[in-house]
Amino acid sequence: MANSIMLDKAKALAISIVKICRSIKETKKESVLTNQLLRAGTSIGANIHESKYAQSSADFVSKMQIALKECYETEYWLELLFETGYMQESEYKPIQNECGAIRRMLISSINTTKANLED
């Protein structure tokens, strides 16, 4: 159940990222940073989705850790685009907050699964 909520949030984040990247590319003609953001931001949900079909708990943790790394990378590219003036604060803050919420969910899921492996 929690994985489904997280996946839904990650998909919504990916859609937001696709839209913001398209807008930045069209209006500001920037593609290097937006391509990096697009790759990392859409990868989060893909890895969470893949974790649903993990072969073991260890495989599940591995896939979720990859999603977490992509989440951290997404936060970096968002911050860079904001601090260089490609994104307005009104665009940046909501997407940054959503990314942070997903990051916290990923950390919680990883920690819970690891704790259950130790039992």
PDB file of N, CA and C in Angstrom:
ATOM      1  N   MET A   1       0.824  -1.203   0.000  1.00  0.00           N
ATOM      2  CA  MET A   1       0.000   0.000   0.000  1.00  0.00           C
ATOM      3  C   MET A   1       0.859   1.254   0.000  1.00  0.00           C
ATOM      4  N   ALA A   2       1.817   1.355   0.945  1.00  0.00           N
ATOM      5  CA  ALA A   2       2.676   2.540   1.023  1.00  0.00           C
ATOM      6  C   ALA A   2       3.503   2.679  -0.249  1.00  0.00           C
ATOM      7  N   ASN A   3       3.907   1.540  -0.808  1.00  0.00           N
ATOM      8  CA  ASN A   3       4.679   1.559  -2.039  1.00  0.00           C
ATOM      9  C   ASN A   3       3.855   2.172  -3.173  1.00  0.00           C
ATOM     10  N   SER A   4       2.543   1.913  -3.192  1.00  0.00           N
ATOM     11  CA  SER A   4       1.664   2.452  -4.217  1.00  0.00           C
ATOM     12  C   SER A   4       1.536   3.968  -4.077  1.00  0.00           C
ATOM     13  N   ILE A   5       1.425   4.462  -2.857  1.00  0.00           N
ATOM     14  CA  ILE A   5       1.359   5.904  -2.616  1.00  0.00           C
ATOM     15  C   ILE A   5       2.657   6.552  -3.060  1.00  0.00           C
ATOM     16  N   MET A   6       3.765   5.931  -2.701  1.00  0.00           N
ATOM     17  CA  MET A   6       5.070   6.452  -3.092  1.00  0.00           C
ATOM     18  C   MET A   6       5.210   6.450  -4.611  1.00  0.00           C
ATOM     19  N   LEU A   7       4.778   5.386  -5.253  1.00  0.00           N
ATOM     20  CA  LEU A   7       4.858   5.299  -6.705  1.00  0.00           C
ATOM     21  C   LEU A   7       3.984   6.368  -7.356  1.00  0.00           C
ATOM     22  N   ASP A   8       2.788   6.573  -6.819  1.00  0.00           N
ATOM     23  CA  ASP A   8       1.903   7.620  -7.346  1.00  0.00           C
ATOM     24  C   ASP A   8       2.550   8.997  -7.217  1.00  0.00           C
ATOM     25  N   LYS A   9       3.165   9.251  -6.075  1.00  0.00           N
ATOM     26  CA  LYS A   9       3.850  10.534  -5.861  1.00  0.00           C
ATOM     27  C   LYS A   9       5.038  10.684  -6.807  1.00  0.00           C
ATOM     28  N   ALA A  10       5.786   9.609  -7.003  1.00  0.00           N
ATOM     29  CA  ALA A  10       6.943   9.654  -7.898  1.00  0.00           C
ATOM     30  C   ALA A  10       6.509   9.879  -9.344  1.00  0.00           C
ATOM     31  N   LYS A  11       5.394   9.284  -9.726  1.00  0.00           N
ATOM     32  CA  LYS A  11       4.885   9.490 -11.082  1.00  0.00           C
ATOM     33  C   LYS A  11       4.416  10.932 -11.267  1.00  0.00           C
ATOM     34  N   ALA A  12       3.727  11.463 -10.267  1.00  0.00           N
ATOM     35  CA  ALA A  12       3.288  12.861 -10.333  1.00  0.00           C
ATOM     36  C   ALA A  12       4.501  13.800 -10.406  1.00  0.00           C
ATOM     37  N   LEU A  13       5.544  13.480  -9.647  1.00  0.00           N
ATOM     38  CA  LEU A  13       6.779  14.271  -9.696  1.00  0.00           C
ATOM     39  C   LEU A  13       7.388  14.199 -11.094  1.00  0.00           C
ATOM     40  N   ALA A  14       7.447  13.013 -11.670  1.00  0.00           N
ATOM     41  CA  ALA A  14       8.011  12.843 -13.011  1.00  0.00           C
ATOM     42  C   ALA A  14       7.238  13.669 -14.035  1.00  0.00           C
ATOM     43  N   ILE A  15       5.924  13.667 -13.931  1.00  0.00           N
ATOM     44  CA  ILE A  15       5.100  14.460 -14.852  1.00  0.00           C
ATOM     45  C   ILE A  15       5.405  15.946 -14.691  1.00  0.00           C
ATOM     46  N   SER A  16       5.507  16.402 -13.450  1.00  0.00           N
ATOM     47  CA  SER A  16       5.860  17.806 -13.199  1.00  0.00           C
ATOM     48  C   SER A  16       7.222  18.143 -13.783  1.00  0.00           C
ATOM     49  N   ILE A  17       8.165  17.236 -13.632  1.00  0.00           N
ATOM     50  CA  ILE A  17       9.517  17.458 -14.142  1.00  0.00           C
ATOM     51  C   ILE A  17       9.518  17.500 -15.669  1.00  0.00           C
ATOM     52  N   VAL A  18       8.789  16.610 -16.298  1.00  0.00           N
ATOM     53  CA  VAL A  18       8.695  16.628 -17.765  1.00  0.00           C
ATOM     54  C   VAL A  18       8.152  17.984 -18.224  1.00  0.00           C
ATOM     55  N   LYS A  19       7.115  18.458 -17.554  1.00  0.00           N
ATOM     56  CA  LYS A  19       6.499  19.732 -17.940  1.00  0.00           C
ATOM     57  C   LYS A  19       7.438  20.910 -17.711  1.00  0.00           C
ATOM     58  N   ILE A  20       8.108  20.946 -16.566  1.00  0.00           N
ATOM     59  CA  ILE A  20       9.006  22.067 -16.276  1.00  0.00           C
ATOM     60  C   ILE A  20      10.210  22.050 -17.220  1.00  0.00           C
ATOM     61  N   CYS A  21      10.721  20.865 -17.521  1.00  0.00           N
ATOM     62  CA  CYS A  21      11.853  20.767 -18.453  1.00  0.00           C
ATOM     63  C   CYS A  21      11.446  21.223 -19.845  1.00  0.00           C
ATOM     64  N   ARG A  22      10.259  20.823 -20.280  1.00  0.00           N
ATOM     65  CA  ARG A  22       9.766  21.244 -21.595  1.00  0.00           C
ATOM     66  C   ARG A  22       9.661  22.767 -21.641  1.00  0.00           C
ATOM     67  N   SER A  23       9.133  23.347 -20.585  1.00  0.00           N
ATOM     68  CA  SER A  23       8.978  24.803 -20.524  1.00  0.00           C
ATOM     69  C   SER A  23      10.332  25.521 -20.546  1.00  0.00           C
ATOM     70  N   ILE A  24      11.271  25.049 -19.755  1.00  0.00           N
ATOM     71  CA  ILE A  24      12.597  25.675 -19.713  1.00  0.00           C
ATOM     72  C   ILE A  24      13.284  25.550 -21.064  1.00  0.00           C
ATOM     73  N   LYS A  25      13.179  24.403 -21.690  1.00  0.00           N
ATOM     74  CA  LYS A  25      13.805  24.207 -23.010  1.00  0.00           C
ATOM     75  C   LYS A  25      13.199  25.147 -24.049  1.00  0.00           C
ATOM     76  N   GLU A  26      11.885  25.312 -23.998  1.00  0.00           N
ATOM     77  CA  GLU A  26      11.205  26.154 -24.983  1.00  0.00           C
ATOM     78  C   GLU A  26      11.452  27.635 -24.742  1.00  0.00           C
ATOM     79  N   THR A  27      11.376  28.069 -23.489  1.00  0.00           N
ATOM     80  CA  THR A  27      11.443  29.502 -23.204  1.00  0.00           C
ATOM     81  C   THR A  27      12.852  30.024 -22.960  1.00  0.00           C
ATOM     82  N   LYS A  28      13.707  29.200 -22.411  1.00  0.00           N
ATOM     83  CA  LYS A  28      15.045  29.677 -22.044  1.00  0.00           C
ATOM     84  C   LYS A  28      16.161  28.988 -22.822  1.00  0.00           C
ATOM     85  N   LYS A  29      15.770  28.079 -23.682  1.00  0.00           N
ATOM     86  CA  LYS A  29      16.729  27.389 -24.564  1.00  0.00           C
ATOM     87  C   LYS A  29      17.862  26.695 -23.804  1.00  0.00           C
ATOM     88  N   GLU A  30      17.563  26.177 -22.629  1.00  0.00           N
ATOM     89  CA  GLU A  30      18.556  25.454 -21.826  1.00  0.00           C
ATOM     90  C   GLU A  30      18.263  23.973 -21.951  1.00  0.00           C
ATOM     91  N   SER A  31      19.289  23.164 -22.254  1.00  0.00           N
ATOM     92  CA  SER A  31      19.022  21.741 -22.399  1.00  0.00           C
ATOM     93  C   SER A  31      19.971  20.849 -21.603  1.00  0.00           C
ATOM     94  N   VAL A  32      21.144  21.306 -21.245  1.00  0.00           N
ATOM     95  CA  VAL A  32      22.102  20.449 -20.545  1.00  0.00           C
ATOM     96  C   VAL A  32      21.580  20.101 -19.147  1.00  0.00           C
ATOM     97  N   LEU A  33      21.235  21.104 -18.363  1.00  0.00           N
ATOM     98  CA  LEU A  33      20.744  20.859 -17.001  1.00  0.00           C
ATOM     99  C   LEU A  33      19.370  20.192 -17.013  1.00  0.00           C
ATOM    100  N   THR A  34      18.509  20.636 -17.919  1.00  0.00           N
ATOM    101  CA  THR A  34      17.167  20.050 -17.962  1.00  0.00           C
ATOM    102  C   THR A  34      17.205  18.580 -18.383  1.00  0.00           C
ATOM    103  N   ASN A  35      18.117  18.224 -19.269  1.00  0.00           N
ATOM    104  CA  ASN A  35      18.228  16.808 -19.645  1.00  0.00           C
ATOM    105  C   ASN A  35      18.665  15.961 -18.452  1.00  0.00           C
ATOM    106  N   GLN A  36      19.559  16.488 -17.639  1.00  0.00           N
ATOM    107  CA  GLN A  36      19.998  15.773 -16.435  1.00  0.00           C
ATOM    108  C   GLN A  36      18.828  15.623 -15.451  1.00  0.00           C
ATOM    109  N   LEU A  37      18.086  16.714 -15.253  1.00  0.00           N
ATOM    110  CA  LEU A  37      16.925  16.676 -14.363  1.00  0.00           C
ATOM    111  C   LEU A  37      15.886  15.696 -14.879  1.00  0.00           C
ATOM    112  N   LEU A  38      15.641  15.727 -16.161  1.00  0.00           N
ATOM    113  CA  LEU A  38      14.655  14.829 -16.767  1.00  0.00           C
ATOM    114  C   LEU A  38      15.028  13.368 -16.548  1.00  0.00           C
ATOM    115  N   ARG A  39      16.296  13.047 -16.750  1.00  0.00           N
ATOM    116  CA  ARG A  39      16.762  11.667 -16.579  1.00  0.00           C
ATOM    117  C   ARG A  39      16.616  11.222 -15.124  1.00  0.00           C
ATOM    118  N   ALA A  40      17.131  12.038 -14.196  1.00  0.00           N
ATOM    119  CA  ALA A  40      17.100  11.659 -12.780  1.00  0.00           C
ATOM    120  C   ALA A  40      15.670  11.653 -12.227  1.00  0.00           C
ATOM    121  N   GLY A  41      14.915  12.686 -12.555  1.00  0.00           N
ATOM    122  CA  GLY A  41      13.574  12.830 -11.989  1.00  0.00           C
ATOM    123  C   GLY A  41      12.582  11.781 -12.443  1.00  0.00           C
ATOM    124  N   THR A  42      12.735  11.299 -13.661  1.00  0.00           N
ATOM    125  CA  THR A  42      11.824  10.251 -14.141  1.00  0.00           C
ATOM    126  C   THR A  42      12.294   8.860 -13.723  1.00  0.00           C
ATOM    127  N   SER A  43      13.554   8.758 -13.356  1.00  0.00           N
ATOM    128  CA  SER A  43      14.116   7.469 -12.936  1.00  0.00           C
ATOM    129  C   SER A  43      13.632   7.040 -11.550  1.00  0.00           C
ATOM    130  N   ILE A  44      13.268   8.005 -10.715  1.00  0.00           N
ATOM    131  CA  ILE A  44      12.817   7.674  -9.351  1.00  0.00           C
ATOM    132  C   ILE A  44      11.633   6.710  -9.413  1.00  0.00           C
ATOM    133  N   GLY A  45      10.594   7.106 -10.110  1.00  0.00           N
ATOM    134  CA  GLY A  45       9.396   6.275 -10.220  1.00  0.00           C
ATOM    135  C   GLY A  45       9.654   4.961 -10.930  1.00  0.00           C
ATOM    136  N   ALA A  46      10.520   4.988 -11.931  1.00  0.00           N
ATOM    137  CA  ALA A  46      10.838   3.755 -12.660  1.00  0.00           C
ATOM    138  C   ALA A  46      11.470   2.729 -11.721  1.00  0.00           C
ATOM    139  N   ASN A  47      12.359   3.180 -10.849  1.00  0.00           N
ATOM    140  CA  ASN A  47      13.006   2.261  -9.912  1.00  0.00           C
ATOM    141  C   ASN A  47      12.056   1.796  -8.814  1.00  0.00           C
ATOM    142  N   ILE A  48      11.180   2.676  -8.368  1.00  0.00           N
ATOM    143  CA  ILE A  48      10.168   2.256  -7.383  1.00  0.00           C
ATOM    144  C   ILE A  48       9.251   1.214  -8.022  1.00  0.00           C
ATOM    145  N   HIS A  49       8.842   1.461  -9.253  1.00  0.00           N
ATOM    146  CA  HIS A  49       7.991   0.505  -9.973  1.00  0.00           C
ATOM    147  C   HIS A  49       8.700  -0.842 -10.120  1.00  0.00           C
ATOM    148  N   GLU A  50       9.964  -0.789 -10.486  1.00  0.00           N
ATOM    149  CA  GLU A  50      10.742  -2.022 -10.643  1.00  0.00           C
ATOM    150  C   GLU A  50      10.870  -2.774  -9.320  1.00  0.00           C
ATOM    151  N   SER A  51      10.928  -2.049  -8.203  1.00  0.00           N
ATOM    152  CA  SER A  51      11.074  -2.697  -6.894  1.00  0.00           C
ATOM    153  C   SER A  51       9.873  -3.576  -6.548  1.00  0.00           C
ATOM    154  N   LYS A  52       8.719  -3.277  -7.144  1.00  0.00           N
ATOM    155  CA  LYS A  52       7.527  -4.095  -6.895  1.00  0.00           C
ATOM    156  C   LYS A  52       7.735  -5.527  -7.367  1.00  0.00           C
ATOM    157  N   TYR A  53       8.663  -5.713  -8.288  1.00  0.00           N
ATOM    158  CA  TYR A  53       8.914  -7.040  -8.853  1.00  0.00           C
ATOM    159  C   TYR A  53      10.283  -7.569  -8.448  1.00  0.00           C
ATOM    160  N   ALA A  54      10.766  -7.089  -7.305  1.00  0.00           N
ATOM    161  CA  ALA A  54      12.072  -7.531  -6.809  1.00  0.00           C
ATOM    162  C   ALA A  54      12.036  -9.030  -6.514  1.00  0.00           C
ATOM    163  N   GLN A  55      13.183  -9.666  -6.694  1.00  0.00           N
ATOM    164  CA  GLN A  55      13.274 -11.107  -6.483  1.00  0.00           C
ATOM    165  C   GLN A  55      13.446 -11.486  -5.025  1.00  0.00           C
ATOM    166  N   SER A  56      13.860 -10.507  -4.217  1.00  0.00           N
ATOM    167  CA  SER A  56      14.058 -10.758  -2.792  1.00  0.00           C
ATOM    168  C   SER A  56      14.000  -9.428  -2.055  1.00  0.00           C
ATOM    169  N   SER A  57      14.013  -9.498  -0.741  1.00  0.00           N
ATOM    170  CA  SER A  57      14.037  -8.265   0.057  1.00  0.00           C
ATOM    171  C   SER A  57      15.307  -7.472  -0.202  1.00  0.00           C
ATOM    172  N   ALA A  58      16.412  -8.173  -0.363  1.00  0.00           N
ATOM    173  CA  ALA A  58      17.681  -7.487  -0.653  1.00  0.00           C
ATOM    174  C   ALA A  58      17.618  -6.788  -2.013  1.00  0.00           C
ATOM    175  N   ASP A  59      16.997  -7.426  -2.988  1.00  0.00           N
ATOM    176  CA  ASP A  59      16.830  -6.820  -4.304  1.00  0.00           C
ATOM    177  C   ASP A  59      15.912  -5.606  -4.213  1.00  0.00           C
ATOM    178  N   PHE A  60      14.860  -5.722  -3.407  1.00  0.00           N
ATOM    179  CA  PHE A  60      13.940  -4.608  -3.174  1.00  0.00           C
ATOM    180  C   PHE A  60      14.702  -3.413  -2.600  1.00  0.00           C
ATOM    181  N   VAL A  61      15.497  -3.648  -1.578  1.00  0.00           N
ATOM    182  CA  VAL A  61      16.278  -2.573  -0.949  1.00  0.00           C
ATOM    183  C   VAL A  61      17.215  -1.952  -1.975  1.00  0.00           C
ATOM    184  N   SER A  62      17.851  -2.761  -2.771  1.00  0.00           N
ATOM    185  CA  SER A  62      18.779  -2.258  -3.787  1.00  0.00           C
ATOM    186  C   SER A  62      18.079  -1.319  -4.766  1.00  0.00           C
ATOM    187  N   LYS A  63      16.918  -1.714  -5.241  1.00  0.00           N
ATOM    188  CA  LYS A  63      16.176  -0.884  -6.191  1.00  0.00           C
ATOM    189  C   LYS A  63      15.694   0.403  -5.537  1.00  0.00           C
ATOM    190  N   MET A  64      15.279   0.317  -4.286  1.00  0.00           N
ATOM    191  CA  MET A  64      14.831   1.511  -3.569  1.00  0.00           C
ATOM    192  C   MET A  64      16.011   2.450  -3.289  1.00  0.00           C
ATOM    193  N   GLN A  65      17.184   1.883  -3.043  1.00  0.00           N
ATOM    194  CA  GLN A  65      18.368   2.717  -2.839  1.00  0.00           C
ATOM    195  C   GLN A  65      18.755   3.440  -4.127  1.00  0.00           C
ATOM    196  N   ILE A  66      18.578   2.796  -5.258  1.00  0.00           N
ATOM    197  CA  ILE A  66      18.829   3.462  -6.542  1.00  0.00           C
ATOM    198  C   ILE A  66      17.837   4.613  -6.714  1.00  0.00           C
ATOM    199  N   ALA A  67      16.569   4.371  -6.388  1.00  0.00           N
ATOM    200  CA  ALA A  67      15.558   5.433  -6.462  1.00  0.00           C
ATOM    201  C   ALA A  67      15.934   6.596  -5.541  1.00  0.00           C
ATOM    202  N   LEU A  68      16.450   6.275  -4.360  1.00  0.00           N
ATOM    203  CA  LEU A  68      16.862   7.307  -3.413  1.00  0.00           C
ATOM    204  C   LEU A  68      18.022   8.131  -3.974  1.00  0.00           C
ATOM    205  N   LYS A  69      18.986   7.471  -4.578  1.00  0.00           N
ATOM    206  CA  LYS A  69      20.108   8.199  -5.192  1.00  0.00           C
ATOM    207  C   LYS A  69      19.609   9.129  -6.295  1.00  0.00           C
ATOM    208  N   GLU A  70      18.686   8.644  -7.093  1.00  0.00           N
ATOM    209  CA  GLU A  70      18.124   9.472  -8.163  1.00  0.00           C
ATOM    210  C   GLU A  70      17.344  10.650  -7.586  1.00  0.00           C
ATOM    211  N   CYS A  71      16.702  10.425  -6.448  1.00  0.00           N
ATOM    212  CA  CYS A  71      15.959  11.491  -5.777  1.00  0.00           C
ATOM    213  C   CYS A  71      16.918  12.587  -5.307  1.00  0.00           C
ATOM    214  N   TYR A  72      18.016  12.191  -4.691  1.00  0.00           N
ATOM    215  CA  TYR A  72      19.027  13.170  -4.269  1.00  0.00           C
ATOM    216  C   TYR A  72      19.577  13.927  -5.481  1.00  0.00           C
ATOM    217  N   GLU A  73      19.823  13.212  -6.573  1.00  0.00           N
ATOM    218  CA  GLU A  73      20.339  13.863  -7.772  1.00  0.00           C
ATOM    219  C   GLU A  73      19.307  14.842  -8.339  1.00  0.00           C
ATOM    220  N   THR A  74      18.057  14.456  -8.318  1.00  0.00           N
ATOM    221  CA  THR A  74      16.986  15.337  -8.796  1.00  0.00           C
ATOM    222  C   THR A  74      16.961  16.624  -7.983  1.00  0.00           C
ATOM    223  N   GLU A  75      17.091  16.500  -6.670  1.00  0.00           N
ATOM    224  CA  GLU A  75      17.115  17.687  -5.816  1.00  0.00           C
ATOM    225  C   GLU A  75      18.277  18.609  -6.186  1.00  0.00           C
ATOM    226  N   TYR A  76      19.414  18.022  -6.518  1.00  0.00           N
ATOM    227  CA  TYR A  76      20.583  18.805  -6.914  1.00  0.00           C
ATOM    228  C   TYR A  76      20.304  19.593  -8.193  1.00  0.00           C
ATOM    229  N   TRP A  77      19.761  18.931  -9.231  1.00  0.00           N
ATOM    230  CA  TRP A  77      19.499  19.616 -10.498  1.00  0.00           C
ATOM    231  C   TRP A  77      18.429  20.683 -10.338  1.00  0.00           C
ATOM    232  N   LEU A  78      17.425  20.408  -9.530  1.00  0.00           N
ATOM    233  CA  LEU A  78      16.399  21.424  -9.261  1.00  0.00           C
ATOM    234  C   LEU A  78      17.024  22.653  -8.615  1.00  0.00           C
ATOM    235  N   GLU A  79      17.851  22.417  -7.620  1.00  0.00           N
ATOM    236  CA  GLU A  79      18.516  23.518  -6.914  1.00  0.00           C
ATOM    237  C   GLU A  79      19.393  24.323  -7.880  1.00  0.00           C
ATOM    238  N   LEU A  80      20.117  23.633  -8.716  1.00  0.00           N
ATOM    239  CA  LEU A  80      20.996  24.300  -9.671  1.00  0.00           C
ATOM    240  C   LEU A  80      20.191  25.147 -10.670  1.00  0.00           C
ATOM    241  N   LEU A  81      19.109  24.603 -11.182  1.00  0.00           N
ATOM    242  CA  LEU A  81      18.262  25.361 -12.105  1.00  0.00           C
ATOM    243  C   LEU A  81      17.653  26.582 -11.427  1.00  0.00           C
ATOM    244  N   PHE A  82      17.263  26.440 -10.169  1.00  0.00           N
ATOM    245  CA  PHE A  82      16.698  27.566  -9.425  1.00  0.00           C
ATOM    246  C   PHE A  82      17.760  28.636  -9.166  1.00  0.00           C
ATOM    247  N   GLU A  83      18.917  28.211  -8.680  1.00  0.00           N
ATOM    248  CA  GLU A  83      19.959  29.166  -8.306  1.00  0.00           C
ATOM    249  C   GLU A  83      20.609  29.856  -9.506  1.00  0.00           C
ATOM    250  N   THR A  84      20.437  29.301 -10.695  1.00  0.00           N
ATOM    251  CA  THR A  84      20.975  29.944 -11.894  1.00  0.00           C
ATOM    252  C   THR A  84      19.901  30.727 -12.646  1.00  0.00           C
ATOM    253  N   GLY A  85      18.716  30.818 -12.073  1.00  0.00           N
ATOM    254  CA  GLY A  85      17.666  31.650 -12.649  1.00  0.00           C
ATOM    255  C   GLY A  85      16.816  31.011 -13.729  1.00  0.00           C
ATOM    256  N   TYR A  86      16.955  29.720 -13.943  1.00  0.00           N
ATOM    257  CA  TYR A  86      16.122  29.047 -14.946  1.00  0.00           C
ATOM    258  C   TYR A  86      14.740  28.695 -14.403  1.00  0.00           C
ATOM    259  N   MET A  87      14.610  28.641 -13.076  1.00  0.00           N
ATOM    260  CA  MET A  87      13.321  28.356 -12.442  1.00  0.00           C
ATOM    261  C   MET A  87      13.008  29.474 -11.463  1.00  0.00           C
ATOM    262  N   GLN A  88      11.741  29.843 -11.409  1.00  0.00           N
ATOM    263  CA  GLN A  88      11.277  30.799 -10.419  1.00  0.00           C
ATOM    264  C   GLN A  88      11.018  30.058  -9.100  1.00  0.00           C
ATOM    265  N   GLU A  89      11.056  30.781  -8.009  1.00  0.00           N
ATOM    266  CA  GLU A  89      10.810  30.157  -6.709  1.00  0.00           C
ATOM    267  C   GLU A  89       9.433  29.497  -6.660  1.00  0.00           C
ATOM    268  N   SER A  90       8.460  30.114  -7.325  1.00  0.00           N
ATOM    269  CA  SER A  90       7.101  29.562  -7.345  1.00  0.00           C
ATOM    270  C   SER A  90       7.030  28.218  -8.075  1.00  0.00           C
ATOM    271  N   GLU A  91       7.959  27.972  -8.981  1.00  0.00           N
ATOM    272  CA  GLU A  91       8.045  26.675  -9.658  1.00  0.00           C
ATOM    273  C   GLU A  91       8.879  25.697  -8.842  1.00  0.00           C
ATOM    274  N   TYR A  92       9.951  26.228  -8.285  1.00  0.00           N
ATOM    275  CA  TYR A  92      10.953  25.413  -7.594  1.00  0.00           C
ATOM    276  C   TYR A  92      10.445  24.827  -6.282  1.00  0.00           C
ATOM    277  N   LYS A  93       9.860  25.656  -5.431  1.00  0.00           N
ATOM    278  CA  LYS A  93       9.482  25.214  -4.076  1.00  0.00           C
ATOM    279  C   LYS A  93       8.529  24.021  -4.064  1.00  0.00           C
ATOM    280  N   PRO A  94       7.429  24.046  -4.815  1.00  0.00           N
ATOM    281  CA  PRO A  94       6.511  22.891  -4.763  1.00  0.00           C
ATOM    282  C   PRO A  94       7.158  21.585  -5.234  1.00  0.00           C
ATOM    283  N   ILE A  95       7.934  21.664  -6.301  1.00  0.00           N
ATOM    284  CA  ILE A  95       8.551  20.447  -6.838  1.00  0.00           C
ATOM    285  C   ILE A  95       9.672  19.970  -5.910  1.00  0.00           C
ATOM    286  N   GLN A  96      10.373  20.902  -5.287  1.00  0.00           N
ATOM    287  CA  GLN A  96      11.405  20.550  -4.308  1.00  0.00           C
ATOM    288  C   GLN A  96      10.760  19.872  -3.094  1.00  0.00           C
ATOM    289  N   ASN A  97       9.645  20.417  -2.634  1.00  0.00           N
ATOM    290  CA  ASN A  97       8.939  19.822  -1.484  1.00  0.00           C
ATOM    291  C   ASN A  97       8.442  18.419  -1.802  1.00  0.00           C
ATOM    292  N   GLU A  98       7.925  18.222  -3.012  1.00  0.00           N
ATOM    293  CA  GLU A  98       7.439  16.896  -3.402  1.00  0.00           C
ATOM    294  C   GLU A  98       8.591  15.898  -3.471  1.00  0.00           C
ATOM    295  N   CYS A  99       9.707  16.346  -3.998  1.00  0.00           N
ATOM    296  CA  CYS A  99      10.891  15.492  -4.083  1.00  0.00           C
ATOM    297  C   CYS A  99      11.366  15.114  -2.672  1.00  0.00           C
ATOM    298  N   GLY A 100      11.359  16.077  -1.768  1.00  0.00           N
ATOM    299  CA  GLY A 100      11.743  15.814  -0.380  1.00  0.00           C
ATOM    300  C   GLY A 100      10.815  14.819   0.298  1.00  0.00           C
ATOM    301  N   ALA A 101       9.519  14.926   0.023  1.00  0.00           N
ATOM    302  CA  ALA A 101       8.550  13.986   0.603  1.00  0.00           C
ATOM    303  C   ALA A 101       8.815  12.562   0.106  1.00  0.00           C
ATOM    304  N   ILE A 102       9.099  12.429  -1.179  1.00  0.00           N
ATOM    305  CA  ILE A 102       9.407  11.108  -1.740  1.00  0.00           C
ATOM    306  C   ILE A 102      10.706  10.575  -1.142  1.00  0.00           C
ATOM    307  N   ARG A 103      11.698  11.443  -0.997  1.00  0.00           N
ATOM    308  CA  ARG A 103      12.981  11.034  -0.397  1.00  0.00           C
ATOM    309  C   ARG A 103      12.754  10.472   1.005  1.00  0.00           C
ATOM    310  N   ARG A 104      11.955  11.160   1.803  1.00  0.00           N
ATOM    311  CA  ARG A 104      11.683  10.681   3.170  1.00  0.00           C
ATOM    312  C   ARG A 104      10.942   9.342   3.158  1.00  0.00           C
ATOM    313  N   MET A 105      10.027   9.168   2.220  1.00  0.00           N
ATOM    314  CA  MET A 105       9.310   7.893   2.106  1.00  0.00           C
ATOM    315  C   MET A 105      10.266   6.773   1.705  1.00  0.00           C
ATOM    316  N   LEU A 106      11.156   7.061   0.793  1.00  0.00           N
ATOM    317  CA  LEU A 106      12.142   6.060   0.367  1.00  0.00           C
ATOM    318  C   LEU A 106      13.036   5.649   1.530  1.00  0.00           C
ATOM    319  N   ILE A 107      13.531   6.619   2.272  1.00  0.00           N
ATOM    320  CA  ILE A 107      14.399   6.331   3.417  1.00  0.00           C
ATOM    321  C   ILE A 107      13.662   5.469   4.430  1.00  0.00           C
ATOM    322  N   SER A 108      12.414   5.816   4.708  1.00  0.00           N
ATOM    323  CA  SER A 108      11.612   5.047   5.661  1.00  0.00           C
ATOM    324  C   SER A 108      11.396   3.613   5.179  1.00  0.00           C
ATOM    325  N   SER A 109      11.076   3.456   3.908  1.00  0.00           N
ATOM    326  CA  SER A 109      10.844   2.126   3.354  1.00  0.00           C
ATOM    327  C   SER A 109      12.108   1.276   3.391  1.00  0.00           C
ATOM    328  N   ILE A 110      13.234   1.880   3.033  1.00  0.00           N
ATOM    329  CA  ILE A 110      14.513   1.167   3.066  1.00  0.00           C
ATOM    330  C   ILE A 110      14.847   0.743   4.486  1.00  0.00           C
ATOM    331  N   ASN A 111      14.721   1.671   5.428  1.00  0.00           N
ATOM    332  CA  ASN A 111      15.046   1.366   6.828  1.00  0.00           C
ATOM    333  C   ASN A 111      14.139   0.288   7.406  1.00  0.00           C
ATOM    334  N   THR A 112      12.849   0.351   7.091  1.00  0.00           N
ATOM    335  CA  THR A 112      11.911  -0.652   7.581  1.00  0.00           C
ATOM    336  C   THR A 112      12.236  -2.033   7.017  1.00  0.00           C
ATOM    337  N   THR A 113      12.517  -2.095   5.731  1.00  0.00           N
ATOM    338  CA  THR A 113      12.838  -3.375   5.113  1.00  0.00           C
ATOM    339  C   THR A 113      14.133  -3.944   5.678  1.00  0.00           C
ATOM    340  N   LYS A 114      15.129  -3.089   5.842  1.00  0.00           N
ATOM    341  CA  LYS A 114      16.398  -3.551   6.424  1.00  0.00           C
ATOM    342  C   LYS A 114      16.198  -4.062   7.841  1.00  0.00           C
ATOM    343  N   ALA A 115      15.385  -3.372   8.631  1.00  0.00           N
ATOM    344  CA  ALA A 115      15.113  -3.801  10.009  1.00  0.00           C
ATOM    345  C   ALA A 115      14.411  -5.149  10.015  1.00  0.00           C
ATOM    346  N   ASN A 116      13.485  -5.352   9.079  1.00  0.00           N
ATOM    347  CA  ASN A 116      12.787  -6.637   8.996  1.00  0.00           C
ATOM    348  C   ASN A 116      13.705  -7.762   8.551  1.00  0.00           C
ATOM    349  N   LEU A 117      14.734  -7.440   7.772  1.00  0.00           N
ATOM    350  CA  LEU A 117      15.706  -8.448   7.359  1.00  0.00           C
ATOM    351  C   LEU A 117      16.556  -8.921   8.543  1.00  0.00           C
ATOM    352  N   GLU A 118      16.772  -8.008   9.489  1.00  0.00           N
ATOM    353  CA  GLU A 118      17.601  -8.328  10.653  1.00  0.00           C
ATOM    354  C   GLU A 118      16.858  -9.176  11.683  1.00  0.00           C
ATOM    355  N   ASP A 119      15.521  -9.119  11.633  1.00  0.00           N
ATOM    356  CA  ASP A 119      14.731  -9.883  12.628  1.00  0.00           C
ATOM    357  C   ASP A 119      14.751 -11.362  12.379  1.00  0.00           C
TER     358      ASP A 119
END
